[in-house]
Amino acid sequence: MKLNKGMILAGLAGLVIGGGTVGGLAATGKIAGHMDRAEIENIVRDYLMTHPEVIPAAMERLQQREQAKQIATYRSMLETPFAGAWAGNEKGDVVLVEFFDYACGYCRASVKDVDRLLKSDP
């Protein structure tokens, strides 16, 4: 089996995160008897130094996943209006959840935009 850089990166990431054996990469440092840990670490380091843009992209993906988990936990609570706290069509196809602070000038300024949205998509 020939290993490409993506497989090596995935295996190393799994090893770092999982702390064990991932995709044939054992804690002993060998992948199927072909490469040792130091060689893999050099490949990963070289790749990251050549393509540093993958680090923020990976972090953004992780942050999106974590946010999605948090939203999923509270979604029904956030999207269920309580009496007097909603406007527009109760059975509409779009839900806009607005967090509002009465002391916030930006929040007050957004009222006209929300009113415009309600008029344009009843």
PDB file of N, CA and C in Angstrom:
ATOM      1  N   MET A   1       0.846  -1.175   0.000  1.00  0.00           N
ATOM      2  CA  MET A   1       0.000   0.000   0.000  1.00  0.00           C
ATOM      3  C   MET A   1       0.889   1.234   0.000  1.00  0.00           C
ATOM      4  N   LYS A   2       0.665   2.101  -0.955  1.00  0.00           N
ATOM      5  CA  LYS A   2       1.442   3.332  -1.044  1.00  0.00           C
ATOM      6  C   LYS A   2       0.715   4.417  -0.267  1.00  0.00           C
ATOM      7  N   LEU A   3       1.417   5.125   0.591  1.00  0.00           N
ATOM      8  CA  LEU A   3       0.820   6.166   1.417  1.00  0.00           C
ATOM      9  C   LEU A   3       1.053   7.525   0.792  1.00  0.00           C
ATOM     10  N   ASN A   4      -0.002   8.331   0.715  1.00  0.00           N
ATOM     11  CA  ASN A   4       0.175   9.703   0.239  1.00  0.00           C
ATOM     12  C   ASN A   4       0.238  10.652   1.433  1.00  0.00           C
ATOM     13  N   LYS A   5       0.539  11.909   1.157  1.00  0.00           N
ATOM     14  CA  LYS A   5       0.695  12.881   2.252  1.00  0.00           C
ATOM     15  C   LYS A   5      -0.587  13.046   3.049  1.00  0.00           C
ATOM     16  N   GLY A   6      -1.735  13.008   2.368  1.00  0.00           N
ATOM     17  CA  GLY A   6      -3.009  13.157   3.070  1.00  0.00           C
ATOM     18  C   GLY A   6      -3.237  12.043   4.073  1.00  0.00           C
ATOM     19  N   MET A   7      -2.905  10.808   3.672  1.00  0.00           N
ATOM     20  CA  MET A   7      -3.064   9.677   4.581  1.00  0.00           C
ATOM     21  C   MET A   7      -2.124   9.805   5.767  1.00  0.00           C
ATOM     22  N   ILE A   8      -0.916  10.254   5.496  1.00  0.00           N
ATOM     23  CA  ILE A   8       0.058  10.417   6.568  1.00  0.00           C
ATOM     24  C   ILE A   8      -0.383  11.501   7.533  1.00  0.00           C
ATOM     25  N   LEU A   9      -0.871  12.656   6.982  1.00  0.00           N
ATOM     26  CA  LEU A   9      -1.352  13.735   7.838  1.00  0.00           C
ATOM     27  C   LEU A   9      -2.524  13.270   8.685  1.00  0.00           C
ATOM     28  N   ALA A  10      -3.452  12.536   8.063  1.00  0.00           N
ATOM     29  CA  ALA A  10      -4.621  12.052   8.796  1.00  0.00           C
ATOM     30  C   ALA A  10      -4.194  11.091   9.898  1.00  0.00           C
ATOM     31  N   GLY A  11      -3.272  10.205   9.585  1.00  0.00           N
ATOM     32  CA  GLY A  11      -2.794   9.252  10.579  1.00  0.00           C
ATOM     33  C   GLY A  11      -2.087   9.929  11.730  1.00  0.00           C
ATOM     34  N   LEU A  12      -1.246  10.908  11.406  1.00  0.00           N
ATOM     35  CA  LEU A  12      -0.523  11.616  12.454  1.00  0.00           C
ATOM     36  C   LEU A  12      -1.474  12.430  13.311  1.00  0.00           C
ATOM     37  N   ALA A  13      -2.432  13.091  12.670  1.00  0.00           N
ATOM     38  CA  ALA A  13      -3.415  13.866  13.438  1.00  0.00           C
ATOM     39  C   ALA A  13      -4.181  12.948  14.375  1.00  0.00           C
ATOM     40  N   GLY A  14      -4.568  11.792  13.865  1.00  0.00           N
ATOM     41  CA  GLY A  14      -5.281  10.838  14.708  1.00  0.00           C
ATOM     42  C   GLY A  14      -4.431  10.348  15.856  1.00  0.00           C
ATOM     43  N   LEU A  15      -3.159  10.126  15.598  1.00  0.00           N
ATOM     44  CA  LEU A  15      -2.256   9.666  16.648  1.00  0.00           C
ATOM     45  C   LEU A  15      -2.100  10.724  17.729  1.00  0.00           C
ATOM     46  N   VAL A  16      -1.941  11.966  17.294  1.00  0.00           N
ATOM     47  CA  VAL A  16      -1.767  13.056  18.247  1.00  0.00           C
ATOM     48  C   VAL A  16      -3.019  13.218  19.088  1.00  0.00           C
ATOM     49  N   ILE A  17      -4.182  13.182  18.424  1.00  0.00           N
ATOM     50  CA  ILE A  17      -5.446  13.379  19.139  1.00  0.00           C
ATOM     51  C   ILE A  17      -5.788  12.151  19.975  1.00  0.00           C
ATOM     52  N   GLY A  18      -5.652  10.969  19.372  1.00  0.00           N
ATOM     53  CA  GLY A  18      -6.078   9.750  20.047  1.00  0.00           C
ATOM     54  C   GLY A  18      -5.044   9.138  20.948  1.00  0.00           C
ATOM     55  N   GLY A  19      -3.787   9.421  20.706  1.00  0.00           N
ATOM     56  CA  GLY A  19      -2.737   8.900  21.550  1.00  0.00           C
ATOM     57  C   GLY A  19      -2.520   7.400  21.441  1.00  0.00           C
ATOM     58  N   GLY A  20      -2.904   6.808  20.325  1.00  0.00           N
ATOM     59  CA  GLY A  20      -2.744   5.361  20.188  1.00  0.00           C
ATOM     60  C   GLY A  20      -2.439   4.981  18.764  1.00  0.00           C
ATOM     61  N   THR A  21      -3.059   3.918  18.306  1.00  0.00           N
ATOM     62  CA  THR A  21      -2.832   3.413  16.962  1.00  0.00           C
ATOM     63  C   THR A  21      -3.921   3.935  16.045  1.00  0.00           C
ATOM     64  N   VAL A  22      -3.532   4.562  14.951  1.00  0.00           N
ATOM     65  CA  VAL A  22      -4.486   5.089  13.991  1.00  0.00           C
ATOM     66  C   VAL A  22      -4.019   4.736  12.600  1.00  0.00           C
ATOM     67  N   GLY A  23      -4.890   4.094  11.827  1.00  0.00           N
ATOM     68  CA  GLY A  23      -4.587   3.811  10.434  1.00  0.00           C
ATOM     69  C   GLY A  23      -3.259   3.105  10.238  1.00  0.00           C
ATOM     70  N   GLY A  24      -2.884   2.237  11.136  1.00  0.00           N
ATOM     71  CA  GLY A  24      -1.633   1.508  10.985  1.00  0.00           C
ATOM     72  C   GLY A  24      -0.435   2.217  11.603  1.00  0.00           C
ATOM     73  N   LEU A  25      -0.615   3.424  12.104  1.00  0.00           N
ATOM     74  CA  LEU A  25       0.491   4.147  12.730  1.00  0.00           C
ATOM     75  C   LEU A  25       0.478   3.802  14.208  1.00  0.00           C
ATOM     76  N   ALA A  26       1.382   2.975  14.626  1.00  0.00           N
ATOM     77  CA  ALA A  26       1.419   2.526  16.013  1.00  0.00           C
ATOM     78  C   ALA A  26       2.289   3.445  16.837  1.00  0.00           C
ATOM     79  N   ALA A  27       2.133   3.346  18.123  1.00  0.00           N
ATOM     80  CA  ALA A  27       2.940   4.154  19.027  1.00  0.00           C
ATOM     81  C   ALA A  27       4.426   3.801  18.901  1.00  0.00           C
ATOM     82  N   THR A  28       4.714   2.653  18.273  1.00  0.00           N
ATOM     83  CA  THR A  28       6.109   2.268  18.077  1.00  0.00           C
ATOM     84  C   THR A  28       6.789   3.153  17.049  1.00  0.00           C
ATOM     85  N   GLY A  29       5.995   3.858  16.224  1.00  0.00           N
ATOM     86  CA  GLY A  29       6.579   4.773  15.266  1.00  0.00           C
ATOM     87  C   GLY A  29       6.692   4.230  13.861  1.00  0.00           C
ATOM     88  N   LYS A  30       6.123   3.088  13.553  1.00  0.00           N
ATOM     89  CA  LYS A  30       6.215   2.518  12.199  1.00  0.00           C
ATOM     90  C   LYS A  30       4.845   2.469  11.554  1.00  0.00           C
ATOM     91  N   ILE A  31       4.806   2.768  10.258  1.00  0.00           N
ATOM     92  CA  ILE A  31       3.600   2.574   9.472  1.00  0.00           C
ATOM     93  C   ILE A  31       3.864   1.393   8.567  1.00  0.00           C
ATOM     94  N   ALA A  32       3.174   0.305   8.838  1.00  0.00           N
ATOM     95  CA  ALA A  32       3.283  -0.907   8.030  1.00  0.00           C
ATOM     96  C   ALA A  32       4.737  -1.221   7.704  1.00  0.00           C
ATOM     97  N   GLY A  33       5.656  -0.910   8.596  1.00  0.00           N
ATOM     98  CA  GLY A  33       7.058  -1.237   8.413  1.00  0.00           C
ATOM     99  C   GLY A  33       7.794  -0.383   7.406  1.00  0.00           C
ATOM    100  N   HIS A  34       7.210   0.722   6.943  1.00  0.00           N
ATOM    101  CA  HIS A  34       7.832   1.515   5.888  1.00  0.00           C
ATOM    102  C   HIS A  34       8.463   2.814   6.379  1.00  0.00           C
ATOM    103  N   MET A  35       7.760   3.539   7.239  1.00  0.00           N
ATOM    104  CA  MET A  35       8.258   4.848   7.669  1.00  0.00           C
ATOM    105  C   MET A  35       8.260   4.907   9.183  1.00  0.00           C
ATOM    106  N   ASP A  36       9.233   5.605   9.728  1.00  0.00           N
ATOM    107  CA  ASP A  36       9.209   5.774  11.169  1.00  0.00           C
ATOM    108  C   ASP A  36       8.583   7.125  11.514  1.00  0.00           C
ATOM    109  N   ARG A  37       8.318   7.305  12.765  1.00  0.00           N
ATOM    110  CA  ARG A  37       7.616   8.498  13.241  1.00  0.00           C
ATOM    111  C   ARG A  37       8.347   9.778  12.853  1.00  0.00           C
ATOM    112  N   ALA A  38       9.655   9.810  12.965  1.00  0.00           N
ATOM    113  CA  ALA A  38      10.430  11.012  12.643  1.00  0.00           C
ATOM    114  C   ALA A  38      10.247  11.396  11.176  1.00  0.00           C
ATOM    115  N   GLU A  39      10.205  10.410  10.278  1.00  0.00           N
ATOM    116  CA  GLU A  39       9.999  10.707   8.864  1.00  0.00           C
ATOM    117  C   GLU A  39       8.618  11.314   8.627  1.00  0.00           C
ATOM    118  N   ILE A  40       7.632  10.749   9.290  1.00  0.00           N
ATOM    119  CA  ILE A  40       6.261  11.261   9.150  1.00  0.00           C
ATOM    120  C   ILE A  40       6.171  12.673   9.701  1.00  0.00           C
ATOM    121  N   GLU A  41       6.761  12.895  10.852  1.00  0.00           N
ATOM    122  CA  GLU A  41       6.725  14.233  11.449  1.00  0.00           C
ATOM    123  C   GLU A  41       7.406  15.247  10.541  1.00  0.00           C
ATOM    124  N   ASN A  42       8.483  14.871   9.888  1.00  0.00           N
ATOM    125  CA  ASN A  42       9.152  15.769   8.943  1.00  0.00           C
ATOM    126  C   ASN A  42       8.266  16.073   7.749  1.00  0.00           C
ATOM    127  N   ILE A  43       7.570  15.056   7.226  1.00  0.00           N
ATOM    128  CA  ILE A  43       6.663  15.269   6.096  1.00  0.00           C
ATOM    129  C   ILE A  43       5.536  16.208   6.497  1.00  0.00           C
ATOM    130  N   VAL A  44       4.956  15.958   7.664  1.00  0.00           N
ATOM    131  CA  VAL A  44       3.862  16.807   8.145  1.00  0.00           C
ATOM    132  C   VAL A  44       4.353  18.231   8.357  1.00  0.00           C
ATOM    133  N   ARG A  45       5.500  18.376   8.993  1.00  0.00           N
ATOM    134  CA  ARG A  45       6.054  19.710   9.235  1.00  0.00           C
ATOM    135  C   ARG A  45       6.312  20.432   7.922  1.00  0.00           C
ATOM    136  N   ASP A  46       6.942  19.759   6.971  1.00  0.00           N
ATOM    137  CA  ASP A  46       7.209  20.370   5.667  1.00  0.00           C
ATOM    138  C   ASP A  46       5.909  20.792   4.983  1.00  0.00           C
ATOM    139  N   TYR A  47       4.911  19.921   5.052  1.00  0.00           N
ATOM    140  CA  TYR A  47       3.626  20.246   4.423  1.00  0.00           C
ATOM    141  C   TYR A  47       2.999  21.478   5.071  1.00  0.00           C
ATOM    142  N   LEU A  48       3.000  21.506   6.413  1.00  0.00           N
ATOM    143  CA  LEU A  48       2.402  22.641   7.121  1.00  0.00           C
ATOM    144  C   LEU A  48       3.176  23.937   6.886  1.00  0.00           C
ATOM    145  N   MET A  49       4.479  23.844   6.790  1.00  0.00           N
ATOM    146  CA  MET A  49       5.280  25.045   6.522  1.00  0.00           C
ATOM    147  C   MET A  49       5.044  25.548   5.096  1.00  0.00           C
ATOM    148  N   THR A  50       4.820  24.637   4.170  1.00  0.00           N
ATOM    149  CA  THR A  50       4.559  25.012   2.779  1.00  0.00           C
ATOM    150  C   THR A  50       3.121  25.498   2.600  1.00  0.00           C
ATOM    151  N   HIS A  51       2.203  24.922   3.354  1.00  0.00           N
ATOM    152  CA  HIS A  51       0.775  25.247   3.232  1.00  0.00           C
ATOM    153  C   HIS A  51       0.197  25.652   4.595  1.00  0.00           C
ATOM    154  N   PRO A  52       0.665  26.750   5.180  1.00  0.00           N
ATOM    155  CA  PRO A  52       0.178  27.125   6.513  1.00  0.00           C
ATOM    156  C   PRO A  52      -1.302  27.500   6.526  1.00  0.00           C
ATOM    157  N   GLU A  53      -1.874  27.751   5.372  1.00  0.00           N
ATOM    158  CA  GLU A  53      -3.295  28.114   5.311  1.00  0.00           C
ATOM    159  C   GLU A  53      -4.200  26.984   5.778  1.00  0.00           C
ATOM    160  N   VAL A  54      -3.704  25.744   5.815  1.00  0.00           N
ATOM    161  CA  VAL A  54      -4.544  24.640   6.271  1.00  0.00           C
ATOM    162  C   VAL A  54      -4.810  24.713   7.771  1.00  0.00           C
ATOM    163  N   ILE A  55      -3.944  25.343   8.521  1.00  0.00           N
ATOM    164  CA  ILE A  55      -4.126  25.406   9.975  1.00  0.00           C
ATOM    165  C   ILE A  55      -5.337  26.270  10.339  1.00  0.00           C
ATOM    166  N   PRO A  56      -5.434  27.527   9.854  1.00  0.00           N
ATOM    167  CA  PRO A  56      -6.640  28.285  10.189  1.00  0.00           C
ATOM    168  C   PRO A  56      -7.898  27.657   9.595  1.00  0.00           C
ATOM    169  N   ALA A  57      -7.774  27.053   8.407  1.00  0.00           N
ATOM    170  CA  ALA A  57      -8.939  26.405   7.797  1.00  0.00           C
ATOM    171  C   ALA A  57      -9.403  25.230   8.663  1.00  0.00           C
ATOM    172  N   ALA A  58      -8.470  24.460   9.181  1.00  0.00           N
ATOM    173  CA  ALA A  58      -8.817  23.339  10.056  1.00  0.00           C
ATOM    174  C   ALA A  58      -9.426  23.839  11.360  1.00  0.00           C
ATOM    175  N   MET A  59      -8.869  24.890  11.912  1.00  0.00           N
ATOM    176  CA  MET A  59      -9.404  25.455  13.149  1.00  0.00           C
ATOM    177  C   MET A  59     -10.811  26.007  12.931  1.00  0.00           C
ATOM    178  N   GLU A  60     -11.040  26.631  11.781  1.00  0.00           N
ATOM    179  CA  GLU A  60     -12.373  27.147  11.468  1.00  0.00           C
ATOM    180  C   GLU A  60     -13.376  26.005  11.359  1.00  0.00           C
ATOM    181  N   ARG A  61     -12.981  24.920  10.705  1.00  0.00           N
ATOM    182  CA  ARG A  61     -13.861  23.756  10.589  1.00  0.00           C
ATOM    183  C   ARG A  61     -14.185  23.192  11.970  1.00  0.00           C
ATOM    184  N   LEU A  62     -13.182  23.104  12.838  1.00  0.00           N
ATOM    185  CA  LEU A  62     -13.401  22.610  14.194  1.00  0.00           C
ATOM    186  C   LEU A  62     -14.367  23.526  14.945  1.00  0.00           C
ATOM    187  N   GLN A  63     -14.163  24.831  14.814  1.00  0.00           N
ATOM    188  CA  GLN A  63     -15.031  25.786  15.496  1.00  0.00           C
ATOM    189  C   GLN A  63     -16.473  25.659  14.979  1.00  0.00           C
ATOM    190  N   GLN A  64     -16.651  25.474  13.669  1.00  0.00           N
ATOM    191  CA  GLN A  64     -17.986  25.303  13.100  1.00  0.00           C
ATOM    192  C   GLN A  64     -18.660  24.052  13.658  1.00  0.00           C
ATOM    193  N   ARG A  65     -17.910  22.972  13.777  1.00  0.00           N
ATOM    194  CA  ARG A  65     -18.467  21.737  14.336  1.00  0.00           C
ATOM    195  C   ARG A  65     -18.895  21.931  15.783  1.00  0.00           C
ATOM    196  N   GLU A  66     -18.045  22.601  16.554  1.00  0.00           N
ATOM    197  CA  GLU A  66     -18.372  22.830  17.959  1.00  0.00           C
ATOM    198  C   GLU A  66     -19.588  23.745  18.101  1.00  0.00           C
ATOM    199  N   GLN A  67     -19.666  24.770  17.268  1.00  0.00           N
ATOM    200  CA  GLN A  67     -20.824  25.663  17.304  1.00  0.00           C
ATOM    201  C   GLN A  67     -22.092  24.918  16.909  1.00  0.00           C
ATOM    202  N   ALA A  68     -21.994  24.065  15.897  1.00  0.00           N
ATOM    203  CA  ALA A  68     -23.158  23.282  15.457  1.00  0.00           C
ATOM    204  C   ALA A  68     -23.659  22.384  16.586  1.00  0.00           C
ATOM    205  N   LYS A  69     -22.749  21.807  17.355  1.00  0.00           N
ATOM    206  CA  LYS A  69     -23.150  20.976  18.492  1.00  0.00           C
ATOM    207  C   LYS A  69     -23.904  21.809  19.526  1.00  0.00           C
ATOM    208  N   GLN A  70     -23.373  22.988  19.819  1.00  0.00           N
ATOM    209  CA  GLN A  70     -24.017  23.857  20.805  1.00  0.00           C
ATOM    210  C   GLN A  70     -25.393  24.302  20.333  1.00  0.00           C
ATOM    211  N   ILE A  71     -25.483  24.679  19.064  1.00  0.00           N
ATOM    212  CA  ILE A  71     -26.768  25.124  18.514  1.00  0.00           C
ATOM    213  C   ILE A  71     -27.766  23.978  18.532  1.00  0.00           C
ATOM    214  N   ALA A  72     -27.322  22.773  18.147  1.00  0.00           N
ATOM    215  CA  ALA A  72     -28.216  21.616  18.122  1.00  0.00           C
ATOM    216  C   ALA A  72     -28.810  21.354  19.501  1.00  0.00           C
ATOM    217  N   THR A  73     -28.020  21.560  20.533  1.00  0.00           N
ATOM    218  CA  THR A  73     -28.481  21.320  21.898  1.00  0.00           C
ATOM    219  C   THR A  73     -29.649  22.237  22.261  1.00  0.00           C
ATOM    220  N   TYR A  74     -29.586  23.473  21.799  1.00  0.00           N
ATOM    221  CA  TYR A  74     -30.585  24.469  22.205  1.00  0.00           C
ATOM    222  C   TYR A  74     -31.510  24.913  21.064  1.00  0.00           C
ATOM    223  N   ARG A  75     -31.395  24.295  19.882  1.00  0.00           N
ATOM    224  CA  ARG A  75     -32.144  24.748  18.698  1.00  0.00           C
ATOM    225  C   ARG A  75     -33.641  24.868  18.960  1.00  0.00           C
ATOM    226  N   SER A  76     -34.271  23.820  19.456  1.00  0.00           N
ATOM    227  CA  SER A  76     -35.721  23.874  19.628  1.00  0.00           C
ATOM    228  C   SER A  76     -36.120  24.968  20.610  1.00  0.00           C
ATOM    229  N   MET A  77     -35.332  25.157  21.646  1.00  0.00           N
ATOM    230  CA  MET A  77     -35.627  26.200  22.621  1.00  0.00           C
ATOM    231  C   MET A  77     -35.488  27.593  21.981  1.00  0.00           C
ATOM    232  N   LEU A  78     -34.448  27.768  21.140  1.00  0.00           N
ATOM    233  CA  LEU A  78     -34.220  29.060  20.499  1.00  0.00           C
ATOM    234  C   LEU A  78     -35.278  29.371  19.447  1.00  0.00           C
ATOM    235  N   GLU A  79     -35.747  28.342  18.753  1.00  0.00           N
ATOM    236  CA  GLU A  79     -36.679  28.554  17.654  1.00  0.00           C
ATOM    237  C   GLU A  79     -38.143  28.496  18.063  1.00  0.00           C
ATOM    238  N   THR A  80     -38.417  28.222  19.321  1.00  0.00           N
ATOM    239  CA  THR A  80     -39.793  28.179  19.798  1.00  0.00           C
ATOM    240  C   THR A  80     -40.129  29.518  20.440  1.00  0.00           C
ATOM    241  N   PRO A  81     -40.945  30.307  19.768  1.00  0.00           N
ATOM    242  CA  PRO A  81     -41.267  31.621  20.322  1.00  0.00           C
ATOM    243  C   PRO A  81     -42.201  31.503  21.525  1.00  0.00           C
ATOM    244  N   PHE A  82     -42.064  32.426  22.437  1.00  0.00           N
ATOM    245  CA  PHE A  82     -43.007  32.485  23.535  1.00  0.00           C
ATOM    246  C   PHE A  82     -43.889  33.714  23.319  1.00  0.00           C
ATOM    247  N   ALA A  83     -45.007  33.735  23.982  1.00  0.00           N
ATOM    248  CA  ALA A  83     -46.025  34.765  23.758  1.00  0.00           C
ATOM    249  C   ALA A  83     -45.431  36.162  23.778  1.00  0.00           C
ATOM    250  N   GLY A  84     -45.700  36.922  22.739  1.00  0.00           N
ATOM    251  CA  GLY A  84     -45.262  38.311  22.656  1.00  0.00           C
ATOM    252  C   GLY A  84     -43.818  38.485  22.232  1.00  0.00           C
ATOM    253  N   ALA A  85     -43.113  37.394  21.981  1.00  0.00           N
ATOM    254  CA  ALA A  85     -41.693  37.517  21.642  1.00  0.00           C
ATOM    255  C   ALA A  85     -41.413  37.147  20.194  1.00  0.00           C
ATOM    256  N   TRP A  86     -42.440  37.198  19.351  1.00  0.00           N
ATOM    257  CA  TRP A  86     -42.208  36.884  17.947  1.00  0.00           C
ATOM    258  C   TRP A  86     -43.034  37.802  17.074  1.00  0.00           C
ATOM    259  N   ALA A  87     -42.626  37.885  15.839  1.00  0.00           N
ATOM    260  CA  ALA A  87     -43.354  38.715  14.877  1.00  0.00           C
ATOM    261  C   ALA A  87     -43.399  37.949  13.558  1.00  0.00           C
ATOM    262  N   GLY A  88     -44.368  38.283  12.745  1.00  0.00           N
ATOM    263  CA  GLY A  88     -44.463  37.636  11.436  1.00  0.00           C
ATOM    264  C   GLY A  88     -45.356  36.411  11.481  1.00  0.00           C
ATOM    265  N   ASN A  89     -45.168  35.561  10.492  1.00  0.00           N
ATOM    266  CA  ASN A  89     -45.980  34.370  10.315  1.00  0.00           C
ATOM    267  C   ASN A  89     -45.528  33.277  11.276  1.00  0.00           C
ATOM    268  N   GLU A  90     -46.436  32.850  12.129  1.00  0.00           N
ATOM    269  CA  GLU A  90     -46.099  31.827  13.122  1.00  0.00           C
ATOM    270  C   GLU A  90     -45.699  30.502  12.459  1.00  0.00           C
ATOM    271  N   LYS A  91     -46.204  30.234  11.265  1.00  0.00           N
ATOM    272  CA  LYS A  91     -45.883  29.002  10.552  1.00  0.00           C
ATOM    273  C   LYS A  91     -45.006  29.284   9.330  1.00  0.00           C
ATOM    274  N   GLY A  92     -44.217  30.323   9.402  1.00  0.00           N
ATOM    275  CA  GLY A  92     -43.355  30.707   8.282  1.00  0.00           C
ATOM    276  C   GLY A  92     -42.263  29.684   8.002  1.00  0.00           C
ATOM    277  N   ASP A  93     -41.654  29.801   6.831  1.00  0.00           N
ATOM    278  CA  ASP A  93     -40.616  28.847   6.427  1.00  0.00           C
ATOM    279  C   ASP A  93     -39.218  29.321   6.813  1.00  0.00           C
ATOM    280  N   VAL A  94     -39.109  30.504   7.393  1.00  0.00           N
ATOM    281  CA  VAL A  94     -37.816  31.051   7.807  1.00  0.00           C
ATOM    282  C   VAL A  94     -37.920  31.466   9.275  1.00  0.00           C
ATOM    283  N   VAL A  95     -36.910  31.101  10.049  1.00  0.00           N
ATOM    284  CA  VAL A  95     -36.866  31.529  11.446  1.00  0.00           C
ATOM    285  C   VAL A  95     -35.635  32.391  11.626  1.00  0.00           C
ATOM    286  N   LEU A  96     -35.841  33.599  12.079  1.00  0.00           N
ATOM    287  CA  LEU A  96     -34.746  34.503  12.398  1.00  0.00           C
ATOM    288  C   LEU A  96     -34.742  34.669  13.914  1.00  0.00           C
ATOM    289  N   VAL A  97     -33.666  34.250  14.540  1.00  0.00           N
ATOM    290  CA  VAL A  97     -33.533  34.393  15.983  1.00  0.00           C
ATOM    291  C   VAL A  97     -32.675  35.618  16.229  1.00  0.00           C
ATOM    292  N   GLU A  98     -33.228  36.560  16.964  1.00  0.00           N
ATOM    293  CA  GLU A  98     -32.514  37.808  17.232  1.00  0.00           C
ATOM    294  C   GLU A  98     -32.256  37.923  18.730  1.00  0.00           C
ATOM    295  N   PHE A  99     -31.024  38.153  19.083  1.00  0.00           N
ATOM    296  CA  PHE A  99     -30.668  38.432  20.467  1.00  0.00           C
ATOM    297  C   PHE A  99     -30.568  39.944  20.579  1.00  0.00           C
ATOM    298  N   PHE A 100     -31.295  40.518  21.497  1.00  0.00           N
ATOM    299  CA  PHE A 100     -31.496  41.954  21.528  1.00  0.00           C
ATOM    300  C   PHE A 100     -31.210  42.500  22.914  1.00  0.00           C
ATOM    301  N   ASP A 101     -30.565  43.617  22.959  1.00  0.00           N
ATOM    302  CA  ASP A 101     -30.307  44.311  24.212  1.00  0.00           C
ATOM    303  C   ASP A 101     -30.908  45.708  24.095  1.00  0.00           C
ATOM    304  N   TYR A 102     -31.860  46.031  24.930  1.00  0.00           N
ATOM    305  CA  TYR A 102     -32.543  47.323  24.846  1.00  0.00           C
ATOM    306  C   TYR A 102     -31.603  48.502  25.048  1.00  0.00           C
ATOM    307  N   ALA A 103     -30.495  48.294  25.709  1.00  0.00           N
ATOM    308  CA  ALA A 103     -29.544  49.377  25.939  1.00  0.00           C
ATOM    309  C   ALA A 103     -28.546  49.529  24.791  1.00  0.00           C
ATOM    310  N   CYS A 104     -28.627  48.655  23.794  1.00  0.00           N
ATOM    311  CA  CYS A 104     -27.659  48.650  22.696  1.00  0.00           C
ATOM    312  C   CYS A 104     -28.175  49.477  21.517  1.00  0.00           C
ATOM    313  N   GLY A 105     -27.415  50.468  21.130  1.00  0.00           N
ATOM    314  CA  GLY A 105     -27.805  51.308  20.000  1.00  0.00           C
ATOM    315  C   GLY A 105     -27.838  50.551  18.686  1.00  0.00           C
ATOM    316  N   TYR A 106     -26.926  49.606  18.499  1.00  0.00           N
ATOM    317  CA  TYR A 106     -26.915  48.794  17.279  1.00  0.00           C
ATOM    318  C   TYR A 106     -28.168  47.921  17.202  1.00  0.00           C
ATOM    319  N   CYS A 107     -28.575  47.380  18.352  1.00  0.00           N
ATOM    320  CA  CYS A 107     -29.787  46.557  18.390  1.00  0.00           C
ATOM    321  C   CYS A 107     -31.004  47.403  18.028  1.00  0.00           C
ATOM    322  N   ARG A 108     -31.080  48.610  18.575  1.00  0.00           N
ATOM    323  CA  ARG A 108     -32.201  49.498  18.251  1.00  0.00           C
ATOM    324  C   ARG A 108     -32.200  49.848  16.774  1.00  0.00           C
ATOM    325  N   ALA A 109     -31.017  50.071  16.219  1.00  0.00           N
ATOM    326  CA  ALA A 109     -30.913  50.421  14.800  1.00  0.00           C
ATOM    327  C   ALA A 109     -31.321  49.259  13.901  1.00  0.00           C
ATOM    328  N   SER A 110     -31.216  48.022  14.398  1.00  0.00           N
ATOM    329  CA  SER A 110     -31.565  46.859  13.570  1.00  0.00           C
ATOM    330  C   SER A 110     -33.068  46.649  13.450  1.00  0.00           C
ATOM    331  N   VAL A 111     -33.863  47.311  14.276  1.00  0.00           N
ATOM    332  CA  VAL A 111     -35.314  47.134  14.252  1.00  0.00           C
ATOM    333  C   VAL A 111     -35.876  47.430  12.868  1.00  0.00           C
ATOM    334  N   LYS A 112     -35.420  48.506  12.232  1.00  0.00           N
ATOM    335  CA  LYS A 112     -35.960  48.838  10.907  1.00  0.00           C
ATOM    336  C   LYS A 112     -35.587  47.768   9.876  1.00  0.00           C
ATOM    337  N   ASP A 113     -34.430  47.134  10.022  1.00  0.00           N
ATOM    338  CA  ASP A 113     -34.055  46.057   9.102  1.00  0.00           C
ATOM    339  C   ASP A 113     -34.929  44.822   9.304  1.00  0.00           C
ATOM    340  N   VAL A 114     -35.206  44.498  10.543  1.00  0.00           N
ATOM    341  CA  VAL A 114     -36.078  43.356  10.829  1.00  0.00           C
ATOM    342  C   VAL A 114     -37.485  43.642  10.311  1.00  0.00           C
ATOM    343  N   ASP A 115     -37.979  44.863  10.508  1.00  0.00           N
ATOM    344  CA  ASP A 115     -39.295  45.237   9.977  1.00  0.00           C
ATOM    345  C   ASP A 115     -39.328  45.117   8.460  1.00  0.00           C
ATOM    346  N   ARG A 116     -38.253  45.550   7.813  1.00  0.00           N
ATOM    347  CA  ARG A 116     -38.172  45.445   6.353  1.00  0.00           C
ATOM    348  C   ARG A 116     -38.199  43.984   5.909  1.00  0.00           C
ATOM    349  N   LEU A 117     -37.470  43.117   6.615  1.00  0.00           N
ATOM    350  CA  LEU A 117     -37.487  41.680   6.299  1.00  0.00           C
ATOM    351  C   LEU A 117     -38.880  41.090   6.456  1.00  0.00           C
ATOM    352  N   LEU A 118     -39.564  41.461   7.504  1.00  0.00           N
ATOM    353  CA  LEU A 118     -40.920  40.945   7.732  1.00  0.00           C
ATOM    354  C   LEU A 118     -41.880  41.391   6.627  1.00  0.00           C
ATOM    355  N   LYS A 119     -41.722  42.612   6.153  1.00  0.00           N
ATOM    356  CA  LYS A 119     -42.580  43.098   5.068  1.00  0.00           C
ATOM    357  C   LYS A 119     -42.255  42.441   3.732  1.00  0.00           C
ATOM    358  N   SER A 120     -40.959  42.185   3.486  1.00  0.00           N
ATOM    359  CA  SER A 120     -40.578  41.605   2.197  1.00  0.00           C
ATOM    360  C   SER A 120     -40.832  40.100   2.113  1.00  0.00           C
ATOM    361  N   ASP A 121     -40.944  39.406   3.249  1.00  0.00           N
ATOM    362  CA  ASP A 121     -41.199  37.957   3.261  1.00  0.00           C
ATOM    363  C   ASP A 121     -42.167  37.633   4.384  1.00  0.00           C
ATOM    364  N   PRO A 122     -43.441  37.897   4.132  1.00  0.00           N
ATOM    365  CA  PRO A 122     -44.423  37.668   5.202  1.00  0.00           C
ATOM    366  C   PRO A 122     -44.585  36.176   5.497  1.00  0.00           C
TER     367      PRO A 122
END
